[in-house]
Amino acid sequence: MNSENISTNRNTGLKSFFRDVKEAVSGTDQDFTEGKLSRAILLLSIPAVLEMVMESVFVIVDIYFVSKLGANAVATVGITESMVTIIYAIAIGLGTATTSMVSRRIGEKKPEEASKTALQAILTGVLISILIGLPGALLSRNLLDLMGASKDIVERMSGYTSVMLGCNIVIMMLFIINAIFRSAGDAAVAMKVLWIGNIINIALDPCLIFGLGPFPQMGVTGAAVATSIGRGTAVLFQYYLLFIAKKRIHLSVKHLSVDLKIMIRLLKLSIGSIGQNLIGTTSWIALVRILSIFGSEVVAGYTIALRIIGFTLLPSWGISNAASTLVGQNLGAKKPERAERSVWVTGWINMILLGVISLVLILFPEIFIKIFIDNENVIKAGVLGLRIVSIGFVAYGLGMVLVNSFNGAGDTSTPLKINIFAFWLVEIPLAWLLAIKAGLNEEGVFIAIVAAESLMTFIAWLVFRKGKWKLKEV
């Protein structure tokens, strides 16, 4: 092949790639049970990655404005977020269950059944959010006091907690309905919804916190109001897309009925995913408790390193979400081999991506830690944590794809069992042994994290190869 042909093929390939990127962002009618897997992964991954990036920007901007109000305001957000973590766990759990069931119905070419399942997922989320929201809004002061908040926070800043807990329905709906869109193959819609909500929140944050222009000065409570308005607007847009727009999932009046059988199945599936999230949260708390023995500067360094790691992993979570949708739809289409192949292709892509990111963080960790702080001891601890934990990125890249694939197949109990073993029975005891008994201090904790994540991936790989997940009915 001469150089002219090579150049022509390269240009054609680039044009095709950019066309696919444009289609991924604008929306696609692609049937993900047919065609090239690489293209399917690209079409699903790009909007999911952009969705995650916007969410991370929202978190950074939110805490930036609140930090201008002082330490108590930041503490209020931190304490409230620790309570909202439970809401996130439930919302993610219901979203995971929704993904496995809706994607399966889409793969089976049963759009009416998919729509019916989607409506039941929404109703389940509404009921749970009401059960959480009412007592949360009314007892916000008591909850802050129970969490050890100062008297000033309890007396002056409980409004933030009240609004966040009372309006938890917008969090629940965003996760569940976006899971509906993604599992149906409308990943671009889910991306646009989150962008709308977060842009509104970012615009309203300074206005309501500081009382700019005609807006009232609400302090830290303004941040909660801005968040709820932004997310609430996004939810209204979601409902418009579900009931009015002609997307893959279309709801109408005929779907507005309660089906306890489907709701119970959703709840059963969600328990495993909720457990996965809570196990991760509790293991993080346990590690912080061990690190606190070595001083607050070590804890601060670890916290900053963890934020950086969380940010760099967001694209990989988007890619692994694509694997979940592909598994569910292809199992529904009675194509288990294609479902399995989609996992391996996605896994390789994720490992390569995280391999490149890990090299950057291993070689230049100090650059990223210094963005957040200039304390020498904190930087030292953060650099050590970032460098060691990044060593496990390649394994974790495959692990998150495998875990999401189990969830997409409707097998949420297998990742739950793996997480219990890897994080509770290995990571926490190993961190204590290496840090305290072996005298490795904080380095021992960081090594335990890599060991646990790698073990989780290895076990998931062994179980995945057995193929029992292909036989799961949802």
Protein backbone atom coordinates (compact mmCIF):
# COMPACT_ATOMS: atom_id res chain seq x y z
CA MET A 1 0.00 0.00 0.00
CA ASN A 2 1.53 3.32 -1.05
CA SER A 3 1.76 6.43 1.13
CA GLU A 4 -1.15 8.12 -0.68
CA ASN A 5 -3.52 5.24 0.19
CA ILE A 6 -2.33 5.19 3.79
CA SER A 7 -2.97 8.93 4.08
CA THR A 8 -6.45 8.56 2.54
CA ASN A 9 -7.36 5.73 4.93
CA ARG A 10 -6.11 7.75 7.89
CA ASN A 11 -8.18 10.78 6.90
CA THR A 12 -11.25 8.59 6.37
CA GLY A 13 -10.72 7.02 9.78
CA LEU A 14 -10.42 10.41 11.47
CA LYS A 15 -13.55 11.73 9.76
CA SER A 16 -15.44 8.63 10.86
CA PHE A 17 -14.19 9.05 14.43
CA PHE A 18 -15.26 12.71 14.64
CA ARG A 19 -18.65 11.84 13.13
CA ASP A 20 -19.11 9.25 15.88
CA VAL A 21 -18.09 11.77 18.55
CA LYS A 22 -20.60 14.29 17.19
CA GLU A 23 -23.32 11.61 17.16
CA ALA A 24 -22.43 10.55 20.72
CA VAL A 25 -22.84 14.09 22.04
CA SER A 26 -25.94 15.02 20.03
CA GLY A 27 -27.72 11.68 20.47
CA THR A 28 -27.92 8.43 18.53
CA ASP A 29 -30.48 5.90 17.28
CA GLN A 30 -27.87 3.12 17.26
CA ASP A 31 -29.04 -0.40 18.16
CA PHE A 32 -26.34 -1.48 20.64
CA THR A 33 -27.07 -5.18 20.13
CA GLU A 34 -25.81 -4.86 16.53
CA GLY A 35 -22.80 -3.39 14.74
CA LYS A 36 -19.20 -2.77 15.83
CA LEU A 37 -18.61 -2.98 19.59
CA SER A 38 -15.91 -0.31 19.51
CA ARG A 39 -18.39 2.16 18.01
CA ALA A 40 -21.09 1.20 20.53
CA ILE A 41 -18.66 1.76 23.42
CA LEU A 42 -17.63 5.15 21.97
CA LEU A 43 -21.26 6.28 21.53
CA LEU A 44 -22.15 5.32 25.11
CA SER A 45 -18.92 6.35 26.82
CA ILE A 46 -18.38 9.92 25.57
CA PRO A 47 -21.62 11.40 26.98
CA ALA A 48 -21.19 9.41 30.20
CA VAL A 49 -17.65 10.78 30.64
CA LEU A 50 -18.80 14.36 29.94
CA GLU A 51 -21.64 13.86 32.42
CA MET A 52 -19.12 12.83 35.10
CA VAL A 53 -16.83 15.77 34.30
CA MET A 54 -19.68 18.24 34.77
CA GLU A 55 -20.57 16.67 38.10
CA SER A 56 -16.98 17.09 39.31
CA VAL A 57 -16.95 20.75 38.22
CA PHE A 58 -20.16 21.31 40.19
CA VAL A 59 -18.61 19.89 43.38
CA ILE A 60 -15.51 22.07 43.07
CA VAL A 61 -17.48 25.28 42.32
CA ASP A 62 -19.97 24.61 45.12
CA ILE A 63 -17.33 24.20 47.83
CA TYR A 64 -15.38 27.19 46.42
CA PHE A 65 -18.26 29.61 47.07
CA VAL A 66 -19.20 28.09 50.44
CA SER A 67 -15.58 28.32 51.64
CA LYS A 68 -15.86 32.12 51.44
CA LEU A 69 -18.29 31.96 54.37
CA GLY A 70 -15.77 30.42 56.76
CA ALA A 71 -14.94 27.12 58.42
CA ASN A 72 -18.38 26.58 59.98
CA ALA A 73 -20.09 26.82 56.60
CA VAL A 74 -17.68 24.30 55.10
CA ALA A 75 -18.17 22.04 58.13
CA THR A 76 -21.95 22.28 57.69
CA VAL A 77 -21.62 21.12 54.09
CA GLY A 78 -19.24 18.33 55.11
CA ILE A 79 -21.43 17.02 57.93
CA THR A 80 -24.56 17.21 55.78
CA GLU A 81 -22.81 15.46 52.90
CA SER A 82 -21.95 12.57 55.24
CA MET A 83 -25.72 12.15 55.80
CA VAL A 84 -26.57 12.67 52.13
CA THR A 85 -24.11 9.85 51.32
CA ILE A 86 -26.83 7.42 52.41
CA ILE A 87 -29.26 9.04 49.96
CA TYR A 88 -26.67 8.75 47.20
CA ALA A 89 -26.15 5.08 48.05
CA ILE A 90 -29.89 4.40 47.77
CA ALA A 91 -30.22 6.46 44.58
CA ILE A 92 -27.24 4.72 42.95
CA GLY A 93 -28.62 1.34 44.07
CA LEU A 94 -32.02 2.03 42.53
CA GLY A 95 -30.32 3.42 39.42
CA THR A 96 -28.26 0.23 39.07
CA ALA A 97 -31.36 -1.96 39.44
CA THR A 98 -33.19 0.22 36.92
CA THR A 99 -30.30 -0.09 34.45
CA SER A 100 -30.26 -3.89 34.60
CA MET A 101 -34.04 -4.25 34.16
CA VAL A 102 -34.66 -1.52 31.56
CA SER A 103 -31.63 -2.45 29.42
CA ARG A 104 -32.76 -6.09 29.47
CA ARG A 105 -36.25 -5.14 28.22
CA ILE A 106 -34.72 -2.90 25.53
CA GLY A 107 -32.49 -5.77 24.38
CA GLU A 108 -35.54 -8.04 24.26
CA LYS A 109 -37.19 -5.44 21.95
CA LYS A 110 -39.97 -4.86 24.48
CA PRO A 111 -40.18 -1.05 24.71
CA GLU A 112 -43.58 -1.13 26.46
CA GLU A 113 -42.20 -3.37 29.22
CA ALA A 114 -39.17 -1.09 29.49
CA SER A 115 -41.45 1.94 29.90
CA LYS A 116 -43.53 0.16 32.52
CA THR A 117 -40.39 -0.76 34.48
CA ALA A 118 -39.12 2.82 34.20
CA LEU A 119 -42.33 4.22 35.71
CA GLN A 120 -42.18 1.74 38.61
CA ALA A 121 -38.58 2.76 39.29
CA ILE A 122 -39.63 6.42 39.43
CA LEU A 123 -42.53 5.65 41.81
CA THR A 124 -40.21 3.62 44.07
CA GLY A 125 -37.76 6.52 44.22
CA VAL A 126 -40.51 9.03 45.01
CA LEU A 127 -41.84 6.92 47.91
CA ILE A 128 -38.39 6.40 49.43
CA SER A 129 -37.43 10.07 49.08
CA ILE A 130 -40.62 11.14 50.90
CA LEU A 131 -39.85 8.73 53.75
CA ILE A 132 -36.38 10.29 54.05
CA GLY A 133 -37.28 13.91 53.24
CA LEU A 134 -40.02 14.63 55.77
CA PRO A 135 -38.15 13.60 58.94
CA GLY A 136 -34.88 14.94 57.48
CA ALA A 137 -36.30 18.43 56.96
CA LEU A 138 -38.06 18.55 60.34
CA LEU A 139 -35.23 17.08 62.43
CA SER A 140 -32.22 18.74 60.76
CA ARG A 141 -31.07 20.42 64.00
CA ASN A 142 -31.27 17.17 65.93
CA LEU A 143 -29.32 15.35 63.22
CA LEU A 144 -26.57 17.98 63.17
CA ASP A 145 -26.34 17.83 66.95
CA LEU A 146 -26.15 14.03 66.78
CA MET A 147 -23.30 14.31 64.25
CA GLY A 148 -21.30 16.46 66.68
CA ALA A 149 -21.80 19.83 64.98
CA SER A 150 -21.01 22.95 67.00
CA LYS A 151 -23.79 24.96 68.63
CA ASP A 152 -23.27 27.77 66.10
CA ILE A 153 -23.82 25.39 63.19
CA VAL A 154 -26.91 23.85 64.79
CA GLU A 155 -28.46 27.24 65.58
CA ARG A 156 -27.55 29.24 62.46
CA MET A 157 -26.84 26.85 59.60
CA SER A 158 -29.30 23.97 59.95
CA GLY A 159 -31.26 25.46 57.03
CA TYR A 160 -28.70 23.97 54.64
CA THR A 161 -29.25 20.49 56.08
CA SER A 162 -33.02 20.93 56.11
CA VAL A 163 -33.15 21.90 52.44
CA MET A 164 -30.72 19.19 51.28
CA LEU A 165 -32.52 16.38 53.11
CA GLY A 166 -36.01 17.74 52.48
CA CYS A 167 -35.36 18.07 48.74
CA ASN A 168 -33.59 14.73 48.39
CA ILE A 169 -36.23 13.73 45.82
CA VAL A 170 -34.33 15.71 43.14
CA ILE A 171 -31.20 13.63 43.82
CA MET A 172 -33.20 10.40 43.69
CA MET A 173 -34.96 11.34 40.44
CA LEU A 174 -31.78 12.49 38.71
CA PHE A 175 -30.03 9.17 39.36
CA ILE A 176 -33.01 6.95 38.54
CA ILE A 177 -34.23 8.75 35.41
CA ASN A 178 -30.72 9.21 34.02
CA ALA A 179 -30.23 5.47 34.58
CA ILE A 180 -33.39 4.96 32.49
CA PHE A 181 -31.99 7.07 29.65
CA ARG A 182 -28.54 5.43 29.75
CA SER A 183 -29.88 1.87 29.90
CA ALA A 184 -32.13 2.59 26.90
CA GLY A 185 -29.10 3.85 24.97
CA ASP A 186 -29.85 7.59 25.33
CA ALA A 187 -26.61 8.42 27.16
CA ALA A 188 -26.43 11.86 25.49
CA VAL A 189 -29.80 12.78 27.03
CA ALA A 190 -28.56 11.88 30.52
CA MET A 191 -25.49 14.06 29.92
CA LYS A 192 -27.52 17.08 28.79
CA VAL A 193 -29.88 16.79 31.76
CA LEU A 194 -27.02 16.92 34.26
CA TRP A 195 -25.35 19.79 32.44
CA ILE A 196 -28.54 21.86 32.61
CA GLY A 197 -28.95 21.21 36.35
CA ASN A 198 -25.34 21.96 37.21
CA ILE A 199 -25.06 25.11 35.08
CA ILE A 200 -28.15 26.55 36.79
CA ASN A 201 -26.71 25.63 40.19
CA ILE A 202 -23.33 27.20 39.42
CA ALA A 203 -25.05 30.42 38.25
CA LEU A 204 -27.34 30.62 41.29
CA ASP A 205 -24.72 29.69 43.92
CA PRO A 206 -23.06 33.12 44.33
CA CYS A 207 -26.38 34.94 43.85
CA LEU A 208 -28.18 33.16 46.70
CA ILE A 209 -25.17 32.75 49.00
CA PHE A 210 -24.02 36.38 48.86
CA GLY A 211 -27.28 38.12 47.85
CA LEU A 212 -26.14 39.49 44.50
CA GLY A 213 -28.53 41.86 42.72
CA PRO A 214 -32.21 41.15 43.48
CA PHE A 215 -31.45 37.83 45.18
CA PRO A 216 -31.72 37.45 48.99
CA GLN A 217 -28.53 36.81 50.97
CA MET A 218 -29.08 33.31 52.37
CA GLY A 219 -25.55 32.29 53.33
CA VAL A 220 -24.80 28.58 53.30
CA THR A 221 -28.53 27.79 53.01
CA GLY A 222 -28.42 29.56 49.64
CA ALA A 223 -26.05 26.88 48.37
CA ALA A 224 -28.61 24.20 49.19
CA VAL A 225 -31.42 26.19 47.58
CA ALA A 226 -29.33 26.77 44.43
CA THR A 227 -28.49 23.07 44.25
CA SER A 228 -32.13 22.06 44.69
CA ILE A 229 -33.38 24.55 42.07
CA GLY A 230 -30.73 23.43 39.58
CA ARG A 231 -31.40 19.75 40.10
CA GLY A 232 -35.16 20.34 40.26
CA THR A 233 -35.10 22.09 36.88
CA ALA A 234 -33.14 19.17 35.46
CA VAL A 235 -35.75 16.74 36.83
CA LEU A 236 -38.57 18.72 35.20
CA PHE A 237 -36.66 18.50 31.92
CA GLN A 238 -36.33 14.74 32.47
CA TYR A 239 -40.10 14.43 32.86
CA TYR A 240 -40.61 16.46 29.69
CA LEU A 241 -38.31 14.10 27.79
CA LEU A 242 -40.03 11.02 29.20
CA PHE A 243 -43.64 12.09 28.67
CA ILE A 244 -43.52 14.56 25.75
CA ALA A 245 -40.39 13.97 23.66
CA LYS A 246 -40.17 10.83 21.51
CA LYS A 247 -37.18 9.10 23.06
CA ARG A 248 -36.52 5.34 23.33
CA ILE A 249 -38.43 5.30 26.61
CA HIS A 250 -41.78 7.06 26.32
CA LEU A 251 -44.20 7.27 29.25
CA SER A 252 -47.90 8.06 29.02
CA VAL A 253 -51.01 8.00 31.19
CA LYS A 254 -51.47 4.26 30.58
CA HIS A 255 -48.22 3.56 32.46
CA LEU A 256 -49.40 5.43 35.58
CA SER A 257 -50.21 2.45 37.77
CA VAL A 258 -48.50 0.67 40.64
CA ASP A 259 -46.99 -2.76 39.94
CA LEU A 260 -45.79 -4.14 43.27
CA LYS A 261 -44.13 -7.13 41.61
CA ILE A 262 -41.78 -4.93 39.57
CA MET A 263 -41.17 -2.57 42.53
CA ILE A 264 -40.20 -5.47 44.79
CA ARG A 265 -37.87 -6.84 42.12
CA LEU A 266 -36.25 -3.41 41.78
CA LEU A 267 -35.76 -3.16 45.55
CA LYS A 268 -34.24 -6.65 45.74
CA LEU A 269 -31.78 -5.83 42.96
CA SER A 270 -30.92 -2.46 44.48
CA ILE A 271 -29.98 -3.92 47.88
CA GLY A 272 -26.76 -5.39 46.50
CA SER A 273 -25.71 -2.12 44.86
CA ILE A 274 -26.63 -0.06 47.94
CA GLY A 275 -24.51 -2.44 50.00
CA GLN A 276 -21.58 -2.00 47.61
CA ASN A 277 -21.64 1.77 48.10
CA LEU A 278 -22.07 1.60 51.87
CA ILE A 279 -19.19 -0.88 52.18
CA GLY A 280 -16.95 1.52 50.28
CA THR A 281 -18.02 4.41 52.52
CA THR A 282 -17.52 2.55 55.80
CA SER A 283 -14.13 1.19 54.73
CA TRP A 284 -13.03 4.76 53.91
CA ILE A 285 -14.11 5.87 57.41
CA ALA A 286 -12.12 3.00 58.94
CA LEU A 287 -9.00 3.93 56.97
CA VAL A 288 -9.31 7.57 58.03
CA ARG A 289 -9.56 6.40 61.65
CA ILE A 290 -6.28 4.47 61.28
CA LEU A 291 -4.58 7.40 59.53
CA SER A 292 -5.72 9.81 62.24
CA ILE A 293 -3.26 8.09 64.59
CA PHE A 294 -0.45 9.70 62.59
CA GLY A 295 -1.86 13.24 62.79
CA SER A 296 -4.24 15.59 61.05
CA GLU A 297 -1.68 16.53 58.39
CA VAL A 298 -1.56 12.91 57.20
CA VAL A 299 -5.36 12.77 57.10
CA ALA A 300 -5.43 16.05 55.15
CA GLY A 301 -2.88 14.71 52.66
CA TYR A 302 -4.87 11.50 52.20
CA THR A 303 -8.11 13.46 51.76
CA ILE A 304 -6.61 15.66 49.04
CA ALA A 305 -5.05 12.65 47.30
CA LEU A 306 -8.42 10.91 47.40
CA ARG A 307 -10.16 13.91 45.81
CA ILE A 308 -7.60 13.93 42.99
CA ILE A 309 -7.98 10.17 42.50
CA GLY A 310 -11.76 10.49 42.47
CA PHE A 311 -11.57 13.21 39.82
CA THR A 312 -9.19 11.24 37.57
CA LEU A 313 -11.35 8.11 37.83
CA LEU A 314 -14.51 9.87 36.59
CA PRO A 315 -13.88 9.13 32.87
CA SER A 316 -13.35 5.47 33.74
CA TRP A 317 -16.66 5.34 35.58
CA GLY A 318 -18.30 6.70 32.44
CA ILE A 319 -16.68 3.98 30.33
CA SER A 320 -17.65 1.24 32.78
CA ASN A 321 -21.26 2.51 32.71
CA ALA A 322 -21.19 1.81 28.97
CA ALA A 323 -20.27 -1.81 29.73
CA SER A 324 -23.26 -2.10 32.08
CA THR A 325 -25.70 -0.96 29.38
CA LEU A 326 -24.13 -3.20 26.71
CA VAL A 327 -24.29 -6.26 28.98
CA GLY A 328 -27.94 -5.70 29.87
CA GLN A 329 -29.11 -5.02 26.31
CA ASN A 330 -27.18 -7.89 24.74
CA LEU A 331 -28.31 -10.40 27.35
CA GLY A 332 -31.86 -9.26 26.61
CA ALA A 333 -31.19 -9.81 22.91
CA LYS A 334 -30.01 -13.38 23.70
CA LYS A 335 -26.45 -12.52 22.69
CA PRO A 336 -24.37 -13.50 25.74
CA GLU A 337 -21.17 -13.84 23.69
CA ARG A 338 -21.49 -10.25 22.47
CA ALA A 339 -22.23 -9.16 26.05
CA GLU A 340 -19.04 -10.86 27.27
CA ARG A 341 -16.96 -9.46 24.41
CA SER A 342 -18.20 -5.95 25.21
CA VAL A 343 -16.85 -6.34 28.75
CA TRP A 344 -13.38 -7.39 27.61
CA VAL A 345 -13.14 -4.61 24.99
CA THR A 346 -14.33 -2.00 27.51
CA GLY A 347 -11.98 -3.42 30.14
CA TRP A 348 -8.95 -3.06 27.86
CA ILE A 349 -9.89 0.50 26.96
CA ASN A 350 -10.29 1.37 30.63
CA MET A 351 -6.99 -0.25 31.62
CA ILE A 352 -5.09 1.64 28.91
CA LEU A 353 -6.70 4.95 29.92
CA LEU A 354 -5.99 4.48 33.63
CA GLY A 355 -2.50 3.18 32.85
CA VAL A 356 -1.65 6.50 31.20
CA ILE A 357 -3.24 8.50 34.05
CA SER A 358 -1.40 6.44 36.68
CA LEU A 359 1.97 7.14 35.02
CA VAL A 360 1.32 10.88 35.23
CA LEU A 361 0.27 10.69 38.90
CA ILE A 362 3.18 8.41 39.85
CA LEU A 363 5.78 10.61 38.15
CA PHE A 364 4.36 14.06 39.02
CA PRO A 365 2.15 13.74 42.14
CA GLU A 366 3.47 16.87 43.84
CA ILE A 367 2.16 19.16 41.09
CA PHE A 368 -1.43 18.07 41.75
CA ILE A 369 -1.23 18.11 45.56
CA LYS A 370 0.20 21.66 45.56
CA ILE A 371 -2.86 22.93 43.69
CA PHE A 372 -4.84 22.49 46.92
CA ILE A 373 -2.37 23.27 49.72
CA ASP A 374 1.16 24.52 50.45
CA ASN A 375 1.73 22.83 53.84
CA GLU A 376 4.95 20.80 53.53
CA ASN A 377 3.84 17.86 55.73
CA VAL A 378 0.42 17.63 54.07
CA ILE A 379 2.07 17.67 50.64
CA LYS A 380 4.45 14.90 51.71
CA ALA A 381 1.61 12.65 52.89
CA GLY A 382 -0.51 13.46 49.84
CA VAL A 383 2.32 12.73 47.42
CA LEU A 384 3.00 9.37 49.08
CA GLY A 385 -0.68 8.40 48.99
CA LEU A 386 -1.24 9.56 45.41
CA ARG A 387 1.87 7.77 44.15
CA ILE A 388 1.18 4.43 45.85
CA VAL A 389 -2.58 4.25 45.21
CA SER A 390 -2.04 5.13 41.52
CA ILE A 391 0.02 1.96 41.11
CA GLY A 392 -3.21 -0.04 41.30
CA PHE A 393 -5.05 1.96 38.63
CA VAL A 394 -4.62 -0.59 35.83
CA ALA A 395 -6.12 -3.38 37.92
CA TYR A 396 -8.86 -1.09 39.14
CA GLY A 397 -9.68 -0.12 35.54
CA LEU A 398 -10.63 -3.72 34.79
CA GLY A 399 -12.23 -4.19 38.20
CA MET A 400 -14.75 -1.37 37.86
CA VAL A 401 -15.81 -2.65 34.42
CA LEU A 402 -16.30 -6.19 35.75
CA VAL A 403 -18.29 -4.96 38.77
CA ASN A 404 -20.52 -2.77 36.59
CA SER A 405 -21.01 -5.67 34.21
CA PHE A 406 -22.28 -7.91 37.01
CA ASN A 407 -24.64 -5.11 38.02
CA GLY A 408 -25.78 -4.64 34.41
CA ALA A 409 -26.57 -8.34 34.21
CA GLY A 410 -28.72 -8.03 37.33
CA ASP A 411 -26.23 -9.87 39.55
CA THR A 412 -25.72 -7.27 42.30
CA SER A 413 -25.05 -9.84 45.03
CA THR A 414 -21.73 -11.04 43.55
CA PRO A 415 -20.00 -7.61 43.69
CA LEU A 416 -21.44 -7.14 47.18
CA LYS A 417 -19.82 -10.36 48.41
CA ILE A 418 -16.54 -9.50 46.68
CA ASN A 419 -16.52 -6.02 48.26
CA ILE A 420 -17.24 -7.38 51.74
CA PHE A 421 -14.30 -9.77 51.44
CA ALA A 422 -11.84 -7.36 49.76
CA PHE A 423 -12.60 -4.23 51.81
CA TRP A 424 -13.83 -5.40 55.20
CA LEU A 425 -11.95 -8.69 55.62
CA VAL A 426 -8.73 -7.73 53.80
CA GLU A 427 -8.24 -3.97 53.36
CA ILE A 428 -9.06 -2.76 56.89
CA PRO A 429 -7.21 -5.52 58.81
CA LEU A 430 -4.24 -5.32 56.41
CA ALA A 431 -4.07 -1.54 56.77
CA TRP A 432 -3.98 -1.89 60.56
CA LEU A 433 -1.32 -4.63 60.45
CA LEU A 434 0.97 -2.80 58.02
CA ALA A 435 0.53 0.65 59.56
CA ILE A 436 0.58 -0.24 63.27
CA LYS A 437 2.17 -3.65 63.72
CA ALA A 438 4.66 -3.52 60.84
CA GLY A 439 5.47 0.13 61.56
CA LEU A 440 4.91 1.38 58.01
CA ASN A 441 2.64 4.16 59.28
CA GLU A 442 0.49 5.84 56.59
CA GLU A 443 2.43 4.03 53.84
CA GLY A 444 0.98 0.76 55.14
CA VAL A 445 -2.56 2.08 54.69
CA PHE A 446 -1.85 3.13 51.11
CA ILE A 447 -0.35 -0.28 50.29
CA ALA A 448 -3.43 -1.98 51.77
CA ILE A 449 -5.68 0.05 49.43
CA VAL A 450 -3.77 -1.15 46.35
CA ALA A 451 -3.75 -4.74 47.62
CA ALA A 452 -7.51 -4.74 48.29
CA GLU A 453 -8.43 -3.15 44.95
CA SER A 454 -6.19 -5.60 43.06
CA LEU A 455 -7.64 -8.54 44.98
CA MET A 456 -11.17 -7.34 44.20
CA THR A 457 -10.33 -7.26 40.48
CA PHE A 458 -8.72 -10.71 40.55
CA ILE A 459 -11.70 -12.32 42.29
CA ALA A 460 -14.16 -10.52 39.98
CA TRP A 461 -12.15 -11.79 36.98
CA LEU A 462 -12.29 -15.39 38.24
CA VAL A 463 -16.03 -15.25 38.90
CA PHE A 464 -16.76 -13.46 35.62
CA ARG A 465 -15.01 -16.17 33.61
CA LYS A 466 -17.34 -18.82 35.03
CA GLY A 467 -20.18 -17.11 33.16
CA LYS A 468 -23.02 -17.63 35.64
CA TRP A 469 -23.91 -13.94 35.29
CA LYS A 470 -25.14 -14.72 31.74
CA LEU A 471 -27.95 -16.85 33.19
CA LYS A 472 -29.29 -14.19 35.57
CA GLU A 473 -32.97 -13.34 35.02
CA VAL A 474 -34.22 -9.84 35.85
